[in-house]
Amino acid sequence: MFQHNVKKYRKAKHLSQEDFAMKLSVVRQAVSKWEKGSSLPDIQMLLKIAEVLGVSVNELLSRDDSSTEGYKKM
């Protein structure tokens, strides 16, 4: 969810991890960890990420239906 969405929206804005990190005032390694799913940003950073990417927090956290292999809707 989040890790896939943040990467997708970052790439849609044509931002490298380094450029994105600079806009957020974090190190590139933080962006890399978010995109790998090994860490999550705090709520204040989540708001800033959404603002920089021009999307809502809900969009960042929502499930992408195309990545739900094996997920059975009831």
Protein backbone atom coordinates (compact mmCIF):
# COMPACT_ATOMS: atom_id res chain seq x y z
CA MET A 1 0.00 0.00 0.00
CA PHE A 2 1.96 3.02 1.25
CA GLN A 3 5.34 1.86 -0.04
CA HIS A 4 3.99 1.22 -3.54
CA ASN A 5 1.93 4.40 -3.63
CA VAL A 6 4.68 6.75 -2.49
CA LYS A 7 7.03 5.33 -5.12
CA LYS A 8 4.36 5.52 -7.84
CA TYR A 9 3.45 9.15 -7.06
CA ARG A 10 7.12 10.17 -6.66
CA LYS A 11 7.95 8.75 -10.06
CA ALA A 12 4.86 10.37 -11.60
CA LYS A 13 6.29 13.72 -10.43
CA HIS A 14 9.65 12.77 -12.04
CA LEU A 15 11.45 13.07 -8.70
CA SER A 16 14.46 10.98 -7.79
CA GLN A 17 14.65 9.68 -4.24
CA GLU A 18 17.31 12.33 -3.60
CA ASP A 19 15.17 15.19 -4.95
CA PHE A 20 12.14 13.97 -3.02
CA ALA A 21 14.18 13.69 0.17
CA MET A 22 15.46 17.25 -0.24
CA LYS A 23 11.91 18.59 -0.61
CA LEU A 24 10.98 16.78 2.62
CA SER A 25 14.19 17.75 4.48
CA VAL A 26 15.08 14.10 5.12
CA VAL A 27 17.91 11.89 3.95
CA ARG A 28 17.53 9.77 0.82
CA GLN A 29 17.81 6.62 2.94
CA ALA A 30 14.52 7.52 4.67
CA VAL A 31 12.73 7.61 1.31
CA SER A 32 14.34 4.32 0.36
CA LYS A 33 13.15 2.69 3.60
CA TRP A 34 9.59 3.94 3.06
CA GLU A 35 9.56 2.56 -0.48
CA LYS A 36 10.95 -0.80 0.68
CA GLY A 37 8.38 -0.98 3.47
CA SER A 38 11.02 -1.27 6.18
CA SER A 39 9.86 1.90 7.95
CA LEU A 40 6.97 4.35 7.91
CA PRO A 41 6.95 8.12 8.31
CA ASP A 42 5.29 9.75 11.30
CA ILE A 43 1.93 11.50 10.82
CA GLN A 44 3.45 14.97 10.35
CA MET A 45 5.78 13.67 7.65
CA LEU A 46 2.90 11.79 6.02
CA LEU A 47 1.06 15.10 5.66
CA LYS A 48 4.15 16.72 4.13
CA ILE A 49 4.65 13.78 1.72
CA ALA A 50 1.07 14.10 0.53
CA GLU A 51 1.51 17.84 0.03
CA VAL A 52 4.75 17.49 -1.95
CA LEU A 53 3.26 14.75 -4.13
CA GLY A 54 -0.02 16.64 -4.63
CA VAL A 55 -2.19 13.77 -3.39
CA SER A 56 -4.31 13.13 -0.32
CA VAL A 57 -3.14 11.08 2.64
CA ASN A 58 -5.97 8.70 1.79
CA GLU A 59 -4.49 8.16 -1.68
CA LEU A 60 -1.09 7.41 -0.15
CA LEU A 61 -2.57 4.84 2.22
CA SER A 62 -5.15 3.26 -0.07
CA ARG A 63 -4.84 -0.21 -1.49
CA ASP A 64 -4.05 -0.38 -5.19
CA ASP A 65 -6.47 -2.97 -6.60
CA SER A 66 -3.94 -4.02 -9.24
CA SER A 67 -1.53 -5.14 -6.51
CA THR A 68 -3.95 -7.32 -4.56
CA GLU A 69 -3.08 -10.67 -6.05
CA GLY A 70 -4.59 -13.39 -3.93
CA TYR A 71 -6.84 -10.94 -2.12
CA LYS A 72 -10.42 -12.19 -2.20
CA LYS A 73 -13.14 -9.57 -1.90
CA MET A 74 -16.18 -10.62 0.06
